[in-house]
N, C-alpha and C. Protein backbone atom coordinates (compact mmCIF):
# COMPACT_ATOMS: atom_id res chain seq x y z
N UNK A 1 -171.49 -29.52 68.74
CA UNK A 1 -170.57 -28.79 69.58
C UNK A 1 -169.50 -28.16 68.70
N UNK A 2 -169.19 -26.92 68.97
CA UNK A 2 -168.22 -26.19 68.17
C UNK A 2 -166.82 -26.35 68.76
N UNK A 3 -165.84 -26.67 67.93
CA UNK A 3 -164.47 -26.82 68.40
C UNK A 3 -163.83 -25.45 68.51
N UNK A 4 -162.91 -25.34 69.47
CA UNK A 4 -162.15 -24.09 69.59
C UNK A 4 -161.21 -23.99 68.40
N UNK A 5 -161.35 -22.94 67.66
CA UNK A 5 -160.47 -22.73 66.52
C UNK A 5 -159.38 -21.75 66.91
N UNK A 6 -158.17 -22.10 66.55
CA UNK A 6 -157.03 -21.23 66.81
C UNK A 6 -156.75 -20.45 65.54
N UNK A 7 -156.67 -19.13 65.68
CA UNK A 7 -156.42 -18.29 64.51
C UNK A 7 -155.05 -18.57 63.93
N UNK A 8 -155.00 -18.59 62.61
CA UNK A 8 -153.73 -18.74 61.89
C UNK A 8 -152.96 -17.43 62.02
N UNK A 9 -151.68 -17.52 62.36
CA UNK A 9 -150.83 -16.36 62.56
C UNK A 9 -149.82 -16.31 61.42
N UNK A 10 -149.72 -15.17 60.78
CA UNK A 10 -148.72 -15.05 59.70
C UNK A 10 -147.33 -15.01 60.32
N UNK A 11 -146.35 -15.41 59.53
CA UNK A 11 -144.97 -15.37 59.99
C UNK A 11 -144.56 -13.95 60.34
N UNK A 12 -144.95 -12.98 59.53
CA UNK A 12 -144.57 -11.59 59.82
C UNK A 12 -145.20 -11.10 61.13
N UNK A 13 -146.40 -11.54 61.44
CA UNK A 13 -147.05 -11.16 62.71
C UNK A 13 -146.29 -11.79 63.89
N UNK A 14 -145.91 -13.06 63.74
CA UNK A 14 -145.12 -13.74 64.77
C UNK A 14 -143.78 -13.03 64.98
N UNK A 15 -143.07 -12.77 63.89
CA UNK A 15 -141.76 -12.13 63.99
C UNK A 15 -141.84 -10.72 64.55
N UNK A 16 -142.97 -10.05 64.35
CA UNK A 16 -143.11 -8.68 64.86
C UNK A 16 -143.07 -8.63 66.38
N UNK A 17 -143.26 -9.75 67.04
CA UNK A 17 -143.18 -9.82 68.51
C UNK A 17 -141.74 -9.77 69.00
N UNK A 18 -140.79 -9.96 68.08
CA UNK A 18 -139.37 -10.04 68.41
C UNK A 18 -138.64 -8.82 67.85
N UNK A 19 -138.33 -7.83 68.68
CA UNK A 19 -137.66 -6.64 68.17
C UNK A 19 -136.23 -6.93 67.70
N UNK A 20 -135.85 -6.30 66.58
CA UNK A 20 -134.46 -6.41 66.13
C UNK A 20 -133.60 -5.57 67.06
N UNK A 21 -132.44 -6.08 67.39
CA UNK A 21 -131.54 -5.38 68.30
C UNK A 21 -130.18 -5.19 67.64
N UNK A 22 -129.33 -4.46 68.30
CA UNK A 22 -127.96 -4.26 67.84
C UNK A 22 -127.08 -5.22 68.63
N UNK A 23 -126.26 -5.97 67.95
CA UNK A 23 -125.32 -6.88 68.59
C UNK A 23 -124.03 -6.14 68.90
N UNK A 24 -123.28 -6.51 69.90
CA UNK A 24 -123.39 -7.71 70.72
C UNK A 24 -124.42 -7.56 71.83
N UNK A 25 -124.82 -8.72 72.36
CA UNK A 25 -125.76 -8.76 73.49
C UNK A 25 -125.38 -9.94 74.37
N UNK A 26 -125.60 -9.77 75.67
CA UNK A 26 -125.37 -10.85 76.63
C UNK A 26 -126.70 -11.24 77.25
N UNK A 27 -126.96 -12.53 77.29
CA UNK A 27 -128.17 -13.08 77.90
C UNK A 27 -127.76 -13.78 79.19
N UNK A 28 -128.17 -13.19 80.31
CA UNK A 28 -127.83 -13.72 81.62
C UNK A 28 -129.10 -14.04 82.38
N UNK A 29 -128.93 -14.49 83.60
CA UNK A 29 -130.05 -14.95 84.42
C UNK A 29 -131.17 -13.92 84.54
N UNK A 30 -130.83 -12.65 84.70
CA UNK A 30 -131.84 -11.61 84.92
C UNK A 30 -132.23 -10.86 83.64
N UNK A 31 -131.68 -11.19 82.50
CA UNK A 31 -131.97 -10.48 81.25
C UNK A 31 -133.45 -10.52 80.88
N UNK A 32 -134.12 -11.60 81.26
CA UNK A 32 -135.54 -11.73 80.91
C UNK A 32 -136.38 -10.60 81.50
N UNK A 33 -135.92 -9.99 82.60
CA UNK A 33 -136.68 -8.89 83.21
C UNK A 33 -136.79 -7.71 82.25
N UNK A 34 -135.70 -7.42 81.56
CA UNK A 34 -135.70 -6.33 80.57
C UNK A 34 -136.66 -6.68 79.42
N UNK A 35 -136.57 -7.90 78.92
CA UNK A 35 -137.43 -8.31 77.80
C UNK A 35 -138.90 -8.35 78.22
N UNK A 36 -139.18 -8.84 79.43
CA UNK A 36 -140.56 -8.92 79.92
C UNK A 36 -141.18 -7.54 80.07
N UNK A 37 -140.36 -6.55 80.41
CA UNK A 37 -140.87 -5.19 80.60
C UNK A 37 -141.30 -4.56 79.28
N UNK A 38 -140.64 -4.93 78.19
CA UNK A 38 -140.97 -4.30 76.91
C UNK A 38 -141.68 -5.21 75.91
N UNK A 39 -141.66 -6.52 76.15
CA UNK A 39 -142.30 -7.47 75.24
C UNK A 39 -143.29 -8.34 76.01
N UNK A 40 -144.58 -8.24 75.70
CA UNK A 40 -145.55 -9.10 76.39
C UNK A 40 -145.35 -10.57 76.02
N UNK A 41 -145.84 -11.49 76.88
CA UNK A 41 -145.73 -12.92 76.56
C UNK A 41 -146.38 -13.23 75.21
N UNK A 42 -145.91 -14.28 74.58
CA UNK A 42 -146.48 -14.67 73.30
C UNK A 42 -147.91 -15.16 73.48
N UNK A 43 -148.81 -14.73 72.59
CA UNK A 43 -150.19 -15.23 72.64
C UNK A 43 -150.25 -16.73 72.33
N UNK A 44 -151.30 -17.38 72.81
CA UNK A 44 -151.45 -18.82 72.63
C UNK A 44 -151.40 -19.26 71.17
N UNK A 45 -152.01 -18.48 70.28
CA UNK A 45 -152.00 -18.90 68.87
C UNK A 45 -150.59 -18.85 68.28
N UNK A 46 -149.74 -17.93 68.75
CA UNK A 46 -148.34 -17.89 68.31
C UNK A 46 -147.58 -19.12 68.84
N UNK A 47 -147.82 -19.44 70.11
CA UNK A 47 -147.17 -20.60 70.72
C UNK A 47 -147.60 -21.87 69.99
N UNK A 48 -148.89 -22.01 69.77
CA UNK A 48 -149.42 -23.21 69.12
C UNK A 48 -148.82 -23.40 67.73
N UNK A 49 -148.76 -22.33 66.96
CA UNK A 49 -148.32 -22.45 65.57
C UNK A 49 -146.81 -22.50 65.41
N UNK A 50 -146.06 -21.74 66.20
CA UNK A 50 -144.62 -21.65 65.97
C UNK A 50 -143.76 -22.30 67.06
N UNK A 51 -144.09 -22.08 68.32
CA UNK A 51 -143.26 -22.60 69.40
C UNK A 51 -143.36 -24.12 69.52
N UNK A 52 -144.54 -24.68 69.31
CA UNK A 52 -144.69 -26.14 69.35
C UNK A 52 -143.75 -26.81 68.35
N UNK A 53 -143.49 -26.16 67.22
CA UNK A 53 -142.57 -26.73 66.22
C UNK A 53 -141.12 -26.69 66.71
N UNK A 54 -140.82 -25.78 67.63
CA UNK A 54 -139.46 -25.61 68.12
C UNK A 54 -139.19 -26.51 69.33
N UNK A 55 -140.09 -26.49 70.29
CA UNK A 55 -139.91 -27.20 71.55
C UNK A 55 -140.03 -28.70 71.33
N UNK A 56 -139.11 -29.44 71.91
CA UNK A 56 -139.17 -30.90 71.78
C UNK A 56 -139.60 -31.55 73.09
N UNK A 57 -139.67 -30.76 74.16
CA UNK A 57 -140.14 -31.30 75.43
C UNK A 57 -141.55 -30.79 75.70
N UNK A 58 -142.23 -31.48 76.57
CA UNK A 58 -143.59 -31.11 76.92
C UNK A 58 -143.59 -29.84 77.76
N UNK A 59 -144.63 -29.06 77.65
CA UNK A 59 -144.82 -27.93 78.53
C UNK A 59 -146.31 -27.77 78.79
N UNK A 60 -146.62 -27.16 79.92
CA UNK A 60 -148.02 -27.03 80.31
C UNK A 60 -148.50 -25.60 80.14
N UNK A 61 -149.75 -25.37 80.53
CA UNK A 61 -150.35 -24.03 80.36
C UNK A 61 -149.72 -22.98 81.26
N UNK A 62 -148.91 -23.42 82.23
CA UNK A 62 -148.24 -22.48 83.12
C UNK A 62 -146.88 -22.04 82.58
N UNK A 63 -146.39 -22.70 81.54
CA UNK A 63 -145.13 -22.33 80.93
C UNK A 63 -145.32 -21.02 80.17
N UNK A 64 -144.40 -20.11 80.40
CA UNK A 64 -144.51 -18.79 79.78
C UNK A 64 -143.40 -18.62 78.74
N UNK A 65 -143.74 -17.97 77.64
CA UNK A 65 -142.77 -17.70 76.59
C UNK A 65 -142.72 -16.19 76.35
N UNK A 66 -141.54 -15.62 76.53
CA UNK A 66 -141.34 -14.19 76.32
C UNK A 66 -140.48 -14.01 75.07
N UNK A 67 -140.97 -13.26 74.09
CA UNK A 67 -140.12 -12.96 72.93
C UNK A 67 -139.02 -12.00 73.36
N UNK A 68 -137.79 -12.32 73.03
CA UNK A 68 -136.67 -11.48 73.44
C UNK A 68 -136.19 -10.58 72.31
N UNK A 69 -135.73 -11.20 71.22
CA UNK A 69 -135.12 -10.41 70.16
C UNK A 69 -135.07 -11.18 68.86
N UNK A 70 -134.77 -10.41 67.82
CA UNK A 70 -134.52 -10.98 66.49
C UNK A 70 -133.11 -10.58 66.11
N UNK A 71 -132.35 -11.54 65.63
CA UNK A 71 -130.96 -11.28 65.20
C UNK A 71 -131.02 -10.46 63.91
N UNK A 72 -130.27 -9.35 63.86
CA UNK A 72 -130.31 -8.50 62.66
C UNK A 72 -129.47 -9.07 61.51
N UNK A 73 -129.74 -8.56 60.33
CA UNK A 73 -128.97 -8.82 59.11
C UNK A 73 -128.97 -10.28 58.68
N UNK A 74 -130.08 -10.97 58.93
CA UNK A 74 -130.24 -12.34 58.44
C UNK A 74 -131.06 -12.27 57.16
N UNK A 75 -130.39 -12.16 56.05
CA UNK A 75 -131.06 -11.94 54.78
C UNK A 75 -131.79 -13.16 54.24
N UNK A 76 -131.24 -14.36 54.47
CA UNK A 76 -131.81 -15.57 53.88
C UNK A 76 -132.64 -16.41 54.85
N UNK A 77 -132.76 -15.96 56.09
CA UNK A 77 -133.52 -16.69 57.10
C UNK A 77 -133.90 -15.72 58.22
N UNK A 78 -134.70 -16.20 59.17
CA UNK A 78 -135.06 -15.42 60.35
C UNK A 78 -134.46 -16.11 61.57
N UNK A 79 -133.94 -15.32 62.52
CA UNK A 79 -133.38 -15.86 63.76
C UNK A 79 -133.96 -15.10 64.94
N UNK A 80 -134.57 -15.85 65.86
CA UNK A 80 -135.20 -15.25 67.03
C UNK A 80 -134.66 -15.89 68.30
N UNK A 81 -134.80 -15.18 69.40
CA UNK A 81 -134.49 -15.73 70.72
C UNK A 81 -135.70 -15.47 71.60
N UNK A 82 -136.13 -16.53 72.28
CA UNK A 82 -137.22 -16.38 73.25
C UNK A 82 -136.78 -17.00 74.57
N UNK A 83 -137.45 -16.56 75.62
CA UNK A 83 -137.19 -17.07 76.96
C UNK A 83 -138.36 -17.95 77.36
N UNK A 84 -138.05 -19.14 77.82
CA UNK A 84 -139.07 -20.10 78.27
C UNK A 84 -138.96 -20.22 79.78
N UNK A 85 -140.06 -19.98 80.48
CA UNK A 85 -140.09 -20.08 81.93
C UNK A 85 -140.99 -21.24 82.33
N UNK A 86 -140.38 -22.27 82.88
CA UNK A 86 -141.11 -23.40 83.41
C UNK A 86 -140.74 -23.58 84.87
N UNK A 87 -141.19 -24.63 85.49
CA UNK A 87 -140.90 -24.89 86.89
C UNK A 87 -139.43 -25.26 87.06
N UNK A 88 -138.66 -24.39 87.71
CA UNK A 88 -137.23 -24.57 87.96
C UNK A 88 -136.44 -24.80 86.67
N UNK A 89 -136.90 -24.22 85.58
CA UNK A 89 -136.26 -24.41 84.29
C UNK A 89 -136.50 -23.16 83.44
N UNK A 90 -135.46 -22.37 83.25
CA UNK A 90 -135.56 -21.11 82.50
C UNK A 90 -134.52 -21.16 81.39
N UNK A 91 -134.97 -21.01 80.15
CA UNK A 91 -134.04 -21.17 79.03
C UNK A 91 -134.22 -20.08 77.98
N UNK A 92 -133.10 -19.64 77.42
CA UNK A 92 -133.10 -18.79 76.24
C UNK A 92 -132.83 -19.69 75.05
N UNK A 93 -133.75 -19.70 74.09
CA UNK A 93 -133.61 -20.54 72.91
C UNK A 93 -133.43 -19.68 71.67
N UNK A 94 -132.42 -20.02 70.88
CA UNK A 94 -132.20 -19.41 69.57
C UNK A 94 -132.81 -20.35 68.55
N UNK A 95 -133.74 -19.82 67.75
CA UNK A 95 -134.39 -20.63 66.72
C UNK A 95 -134.30 -19.91 65.38
N UNK A 96 -134.09 -20.68 64.33
CA UNK A 96 -134.00 -20.10 62.99
C UNK A 96 -135.06 -20.72 62.09
N UNK A 97 -135.57 -19.88 61.18
CA UNK A 97 -136.63 -20.29 60.26
C UNK A 97 -136.28 -19.87 58.84
N UNK A 98 -136.80 -20.63 57.89
CA UNK A 98 -136.69 -20.20 56.49
C UNK A 98 -137.58 -18.97 56.31
N UNK A 99 -137.48 -18.34 55.17
CA UNK A 99 -138.33 -17.18 54.87
C UNK A 99 -139.81 -17.57 54.82
N UNK A 100 -140.09 -18.86 54.63
CA UNK A 100 -141.48 -19.33 54.60
C UNK A 100 -141.97 -19.80 55.97
N UNK A 101 -141.08 -19.78 56.97
CA UNK A 101 -141.49 -20.12 58.33
C UNK A 101 -141.20 -21.54 58.77
N UNK A 102 -140.45 -22.30 57.99
CA UNK A 102 -140.08 -23.66 58.38
C UNK A 102 -138.88 -23.60 59.32
N UNK A 103 -138.92 -24.40 60.38
CA UNK A 103 -137.81 -24.44 61.33
C UNK A 103 -136.56 -24.98 60.66
N UNK A 104 -135.45 -24.26 60.80
CA UNK A 104 -134.15 -24.72 60.30
C UNK A 104 -133.39 -25.39 61.43
N UNK A 105 -133.26 -24.68 62.56
CA UNK A 105 -132.45 -25.18 63.66
C UNK A 105 -132.87 -24.49 64.95
N UNK A 106 -132.48 -25.07 66.07
CA UNK A 106 -132.72 -24.43 67.36
C UNK A 106 -131.73 -24.96 68.38
N UNK A 107 -131.31 -24.08 69.28
CA UNK A 107 -130.41 -24.47 70.36
C UNK A 107 -130.74 -23.64 71.59
N UNK A 108 -130.70 -24.27 72.75
CA UNK A 108 -130.76 -23.53 74.01
C UNK A 108 -129.38 -22.94 74.21
N UNK A 109 -129.30 -21.63 74.40
CA UNK A 109 -128.00 -20.98 74.50
C UNK A 109 -127.68 -20.43 75.88
N UNK A 110 -128.67 -20.32 76.75
CA UNK A 110 -128.44 -19.82 78.10
C UNK A 110 -129.62 -20.20 78.97
N UNK A 111 -129.43 -20.11 80.29
CA UNK A 111 -130.55 -20.38 81.18
C UNK A 111 -130.12 -20.81 82.56
N UNK A 112 -131.12 -21.23 83.33
CA UNK A 112 -130.93 -21.71 84.70
C UNK A 112 -131.86 -22.89 84.91
N UNK A 113 -131.32 -23.98 85.48
CA UNK A 113 -132.17 -25.13 85.75
C UNK A 113 -131.54 -26.01 86.83
N UNK A 114 -132.35 -26.86 87.40
CA UNK A 114 -131.88 -27.87 88.35
C UNK A 114 -131.75 -29.16 87.56
N UNK A 115 -130.56 -29.77 87.63
CA UNK A 115 -130.32 -31.02 86.91
C UNK A 115 -129.50 -31.94 87.81
N UNK A 116 -130.08 -33.09 88.17
CA UNK A 116 -129.40 -34.10 89.00
C UNK A 116 -128.80 -33.49 90.26
N UNK A 117 -129.58 -32.69 90.98
CA UNK A 117 -129.13 -32.10 92.24
C UNK A 117 -128.17 -30.93 92.10
N UNK A 118 -127.99 -30.47 90.88
CA UNK A 118 -127.08 -29.35 90.63
C UNK A 118 -127.88 -28.17 90.06
N UNK A 119 -127.52 -26.97 90.50
CA UNK A 119 -128.05 -25.75 89.92
C UNK A 119 -127.12 -25.39 88.77
N UNK A 120 -127.63 -25.42 87.56
CA UNK A 120 -126.82 -25.17 86.36
C UNK A 120 -127.24 -23.83 85.78
N UNK A 121 -126.26 -22.93 85.63
CA UNK A 121 -126.51 -21.61 85.05
C UNK A 121 -125.60 -21.44 83.84
N UNK A 122 -126.16 -20.81 82.81
CA UNK A 122 -125.34 -20.51 81.65
C UNK A 122 -125.67 -19.11 81.15
N UNK A 123 -124.64 -18.44 80.66
CA UNK A 123 -124.74 -17.08 80.14
C UNK A 123 -124.19 -17.10 78.72
N UNK A 124 -124.86 -16.40 77.81
CA UNK A 124 -124.41 -16.37 76.41
C UNK A 124 -124.20 -14.93 75.96
N UNK A 125 -123.13 -14.74 75.21
CA UNK A 125 -122.88 -13.46 74.54
C UNK A 125 -122.87 -13.73 73.05
N UNK A 126 -123.65 -12.93 72.31
CA UNK A 126 -123.71 -13.06 70.86
C UNK A 126 -123.04 -11.83 70.27
N UNK A 127 -121.97 -12.07 69.51
CA UNK A 127 -121.24 -10.98 68.86
C UNK A 127 -121.89 -10.61 67.53
N UNK A 128 -121.46 -9.47 66.98
CA UNK A 128 -122.04 -9.01 65.72
C UNK A 128 -121.66 -9.89 64.53
N UNK A 129 -120.71 -10.81 64.71
CA UNK A 129 -120.38 -11.76 63.63
C UNK A 129 -121.10 -13.10 63.84
N UNK A 130 -122.11 -13.12 64.73
CA UNK A 130 -122.96 -14.27 65.03
C UNK A 130 -122.25 -15.40 65.76
N UNK A 131 -121.11 -15.10 66.37
CA UNK A 131 -120.46 -16.07 67.26
C UNK A 131 -121.18 -15.99 68.60
N UNK A 132 -121.38 -17.14 69.22
CA UNK A 132 -122.08 -17.23 70.50
C UNK A 132 -121.13 -17.86 71.51
N UNK A 133 -120.79 -17.10 72.53
CA UNK A 133 -119.87 -17.55 73.57
C UNK A 133 -120.69 -17.86 74.82
N UNK A 134 -120.60 -19.09 75.30
CA UNK A 134 -121.41 -19.54 76.41
C UNK A 134 -120.52 -19.99 77.55
N UNK A 135 -120.84 -19.54 78.76
CA UNK A 135 -120.16 -20.00 79.97
C UNK A 135 -121.21 -20.71 80.81
N UNK A 136 -120.86 -21.93 81.24
CA UNK A 136 -121.78 -22.76 82.01
C UNK A 136 -121.15 -23.08 83.36
N UNK A 137 -121.88 -22.83 84.42
CA UNK A 137 -121.40 -23.14 85.76
C UNK A 137 -122.44 -23.96 86.50
N UNK A 138 -121.98 -24.82 87.38
CA UNK A 138 -122.92 -25.61 88.16
C UNK A 138 -122.50 -25.61 89.62
N UNK A 139 -123.50 -25.67 90.49
CA UNK A 139 -123.29 -25.67 91.93
C UNK A 139 -124.21 -26.72 92.53
N UNK A 140 -123.70 -27.47 93.47
CA UNK A 140 -124.56 -28.40 94.20
C UNK A 140 -125.62 -27.58 94.90
N UNK A 141 -126.87 -28.00 94.84
CA UNK A 141 -127.95 -27.20 95.42
C UNK A 141 -127.79 -26.98 96.92
N UNK A 142 -127.00 -27.81 97.58
CA UNK A 142 -126.77 -27.66 99.02
C UNK A 142 -125.62 -26.70 99.34
N UNK A 143 -124.80 -26.36 98.33
CA UNK A 143 -123.67 -25.45 98.55
C UNK A 143 -124.09 -24.02 98.27
N UNK A 144 -123.41 -23.09 98.92
CA UNK A 144 -123.75 -21.68 98.74
C UNK A 144 -122.92 -21.01 97.65
N UNK A 145 -121.73 -21.54 97.38
CA UNK A 145 -120.84 -20.92 96.40
C UNK A 145 -120.51 -21.91 95.29
N UNK A 146 -120.34 -21.36 94.10
CA UNK A 146 -119.94 -22.22 92.99
C UNK A 146 -118.42 -22.34 92.97
N UNK A 147 -117.94 -23.40 92.37
CA UNK A 147 -116.51 -23.64 92.26
C UNK A 147 -116.09 -23.43 90.81
N UNK A 148 -114.98 -22.72 90.60
CA UNK A 148 -114.50 -22.52 89.22
C UNK A 148 -114.30 -23.84 88.47
N UNK A 149 -113.97 -24.90 89.20
CA UNK A 149 -113.75 -26.19 88.54
C UNK A 149 -115.05 -26.77 87.96
N UNK A 150 -116.19 -26.22 88.39
CA UNK A 150 -117.48 -26.68 87.87
C UNK A 150 -117.96 -25.82 86.69
N UNK A 151 -117.06 -25.04 86.13
CA UNK A 151 -117.41 -24.16 85.01
C UNK A 151 -116.76 -24.66 83.73
N UNK A 152 -117.42 -24.37 82.62
CA UNK A 152 -116.85 -24.68 81.30
C UNK A 152 -117.39 -23.68 80.30
N UNK A 153 -116.77 -23.65 79.16
CA UNK A 153 -117.24 -22.74 78.11
C UNK A 153 -117.54 -23.54 76.85
N UNK A 154 -118.36 -22.92 76.03
CA UNK A 154 -118.80 -23.55 74.78
C UNK A 154 -118.99 -22.44 73.77
N UNK A 155 -118.57 -22.67 72.56
CA UNK A 155 -118.76 -21.69 71.49
C UNK A 155 -119.67 -22.28 70.41
N UNK A 156 -120.58 -21.45 69.94
CA UNK A 156 -121.45 -21.81 68.84
C UNK A 156 -121.34 -20.72 67.79
N UNK A 157 -121.81 -21.04 66.59
CA UNK A 157 -121.84 -20.05 65.52
C UNK A 157 -123.15 -20.21 64.76
N UNK A 158 -123.76 -19.07 64.49
CA UNK A 158 -124.94 -19.03 63.64
C UNK A 158 -124.43 -18.83 62.21
N UNK A 159 -124.67 -19.82 61.37
CA UNK A 159 -124.18 -19.77 59.99
C UNK A 159 -125.15 -19.00 59.09
N UNK A 160 -124.68 -18.61 57.92
CA UNK A 160 -125.50 -17.87 56.96
C UNK A 160 -126.66 -18.71 56.41
N UNK A 161 -126.61 -20.02 56.66
CA UNK A 161 -127.70 -20.91 56.23
C UNK A 161 -128.80 -21.01 57.27
N UNK A 162 -128.54 -20.47 58.48
CA UNK A 162 -129.49 -20.57 59.57
C UNK A 162 -129.18 -21.72 60.51
N UNK A 163 -128.19 -22.52 60.19
CA UNK A 163 -127.77 -23.60 61.08
C UNK A 163 -126.99 -23.02 62.26
N UNK A 164 -127.09 -23.68 63.40
CA UNK A 164 -126.36 -23.29 64.60
C UNK A 164 -125.42 -24.43 64.92
N UNK A 165 -124.11 -24.16 64.88
CA UNK A 165 -123.15 -25.25 65.09
C UNK A 165 -122.28 -24.96 66.32
N UNK A 166 -121.78 -26.05 66.90
CA UNK A 166 -120.81 -25.94 67.99
C UNK A 166 -119.44 -25.90 67.34
N UNK A 167 -118.65 -24.92 67.74
CA UNK A 167 -117.30 -24.79 67.16
C UNK A 167 -116.22 -25.02 68.20
């Protein structure tokens, strides 16, 4: 019996799925619609080789990964953002790789999910100096309006080493 072989994907082929953009950019709940219209979902061999190294939680064959963008002017590393669509869990992940394709760091920077009976939404803005400003709001799933008291902000920075830190 012949085993299914997954084609090896070069790093440059993987990265070519992520268009370089001009910063600043804001990633909000509906931003994935723009990316989905211009970027097809990642092929299985790309997911198997690169996304499995990034994701730490399980996902099934129904989970979709949309390449969103590549952060420009990263001379010593590569930085990409992809959108992960699972059941009631939608996340934008920033991942960084060495020039040889080894994972350096990854952080979920925006998304929408249900967590402990709360609808949690977060929006991220990435400035041209690689500062990431995140606003997170939560609403009880039974309530129709969110309360400002359920909101908080978080700042991250993408360093020249490819590390993503909370500041």
